[in-house]
């Protein structure tokens, strides 16, 4: 319905079951998305290119205003809880990591 391929939910369900369209996981297309989320042809995307290795990753833009945890929805109050900071610091010390934040 979103892409204009079906006029209503019944037609969309029939189309999905027909095998005429393909469903596949985001990672098979160098895309990052939520586990049960959808990425489709008309969605706006963030495109990130690794200049060193030349690989490209894509993710759809969140249109939600809720406090969600996914790529592109950073909020300082939930970046890393203090309990996790303490655990990471201990694990990182064992690896001789300087505890850089990887934002």
Protein backbone atom coordinates (compact mmCIF):
# COMPACT_ATOMS: atom_id res chain seq x y z
CA UNK A 1 0.00 0.00 0.00
CA UNK A 2 2.84 2.39 0.92
CA UNK A 3 4.52 1.91 -2.46
CA UNK A 4 1.23 1.97 -4.38
CA UNK A 5 1.43 -1.72 -5.28
CA UNK A 6 -1.86 -2.55 -3.54
CA UNK A 7 -5.01 -0.56 -2.87
CA UNK A 8 -5.83 -2.11 0.52
CA UNK A 9 -4.63 -4.64 3.11
CA UNK A 10 -6.39 -7.58 1.45
CA UNK A 11 -4.73 -6.86 -1.90
CA UNK A 12 -1.36 -6.35 -0.18
CA UNK A 13 -1.70 -9.69 1.63
CA UNK A 14 -2.54 -11.43 -1.64
CA UNK A 15 0.42 -9.80 -3.40
CA UNK A 16 2.80 -10.76 -0.59
CA UNK A 17 1.65 -14.39 -0.75
CA UNK A 18 1.84 -14.55 -4.55
CA UNK A 19 5.64 -14.64 -4.75
CA UNK A 20 5.58 -11.66 -7.11
CA UNK A 21 7.57 -9.57 -4.64
CA UNK A 22 10.66 -10.61 -2.71
CA UNK A 23 11.29 -10.31 1.02
CA UNK A 24 14.84 -10.46 2.36
CA UNK A 25 16.75 -9.33 5.44
CA UNK A 26 18.25 -5.84 5.46
CA UNK A 27 21.80 -7.13 5.87
CA UNK A 28 21.65 -8.89 2.50
CA UNK A 29 21.44 -5.41 0.97
CA UNK A 30 24.06 -3.62 3.14
CA UNK A 31 21.19 -2.07 5.07
CA UNK A 32 20.74 -1.62 8.81
CA UNK A 33 17.20 -1.74 10.17
CA UNK A 34 15.10 -2.82 13.10
CA UNK A 35 14.42 -6.55 13.39
CA UNK A 36 10.75 -6.40 12.39
CA UNK A 37 11.03 -3.14 10.50
CA UNK A 38 10.51 -2.49 6.82
CA UNK A 39 12.73 -0.84 4.25
CA UNK A 40 11.12 -0.12 0.90
CA UNK A 41 11.99 1.63 -2.35
CA UNK A 42 10.47 5.04 -1.53
CA UNK A 43 11.91 5.50 1.96
CA UNK A 44 14.44 8.23 2.65
CA UNK A 45 17.78 6.70 3.63
CA UNK A 46 20.99 7.64 5.39
CA UNK A 47 23.93 6.47 3.28
CA UNK A 48 27.27 5.96 5.00
CA UNK A 49 30.41 5.30 2.96
CA UNK A 50 33.60 3.96 4.50
CA UNK A 51 36.26 5.99 2.68
CA UNK A 52 39.03 3.59 3.68
CA UNK A 53 37.48 0.36 2.41
CA UNK A 54 34.83 1.69 0.02
CA UNK A 55 31.91 -0.21 1.51
CA UNK A 56 28.54 1.51 1.85
CA UNK A 57 25.77 1.00 4.42
CA UNK A 58 22.19 2.22 4.34
CA UNK A 59 19.53 2.78 6.98
CA UNK A 60 16.06 4.24 6.78
CA UNK A 61 15.36 7.41 8.72
CA UNK A 62 13.29 7.02 11.86
CA UNK A 63 10.03 8.91 11.66
CA UNK A 64 9.14 8.16 15.28
CA UNK A 65 9.26 10.64 18.11
CA UNK A 66 9.30 7.91 20.77
CA UNK A 67 12.38 7.07 22.82
CA UNK A 68 13.54 4.20 20.66
CA UNK A 69 16.89 2.49 20.51
CA UNK A 70 18.07 2.08 16.94
CA UNK A 71 20.53 3.52 14.47
CA UNK A 72 19.93 7.22 13.88
CA UNK A 73 17.97 7.84 17.10
CA UNK A 74 20.58 8.97 19.59
CA UNK A 75 19.58 10.54 22.87
CA UNK A 76 22.17 11.58 25.40
CA UNK A 77 20.16 10.29 28.38
CA UNK A 78 20.36 6.75 27.07
CA UNK A 79 23.69 6.66 25.21
CA UNK A 80 25.29 4.47 27.81
CA UNK A 81 23.90 3.89 31.31
CA UNK A 82 26.41 4.24 34.18
CA UNK A 83 26.10 0.52 35.02
CA UNK A 84 27.25 -0.37 31.52
CA UNK A 85 30.08 2.18 31.68
CA UNK A 86 31.48 0.44 34.76
CA UNK A 87 31.28 -3.02 33.17
CA UNK A 88 32.80 -1.81 29.91
CA UNK A 89 35.64 -0.08 31.74
CA UNK A 90 36.57 -3.33 33.48
CA UNK A 91 36.39 -5.38 30.28
CA UNK A 92 38.25 -2.73 28.32
CA UNK A 93 41.03 -2.53 30.91
CA UNK A 94 41.60 -6.26 30.45
CA UNK A 95 42.03 -5.63 26.71
CA UNK A 96 44.14 -2.49 27.31
CA UNK A 97 41.48 -0.39 25.62
CA UNK A 98 41.47 3.29 26.61
CA UNK A 99 37.64 3.39 26.95
CA UNK A 100 37.06 5.70 24.01
CA UNK A 101 33.42 6.33 23.36
CA UNK A 102 32.50 5.04 19.96
CA UNK A 103 29.68 7.44 19.11
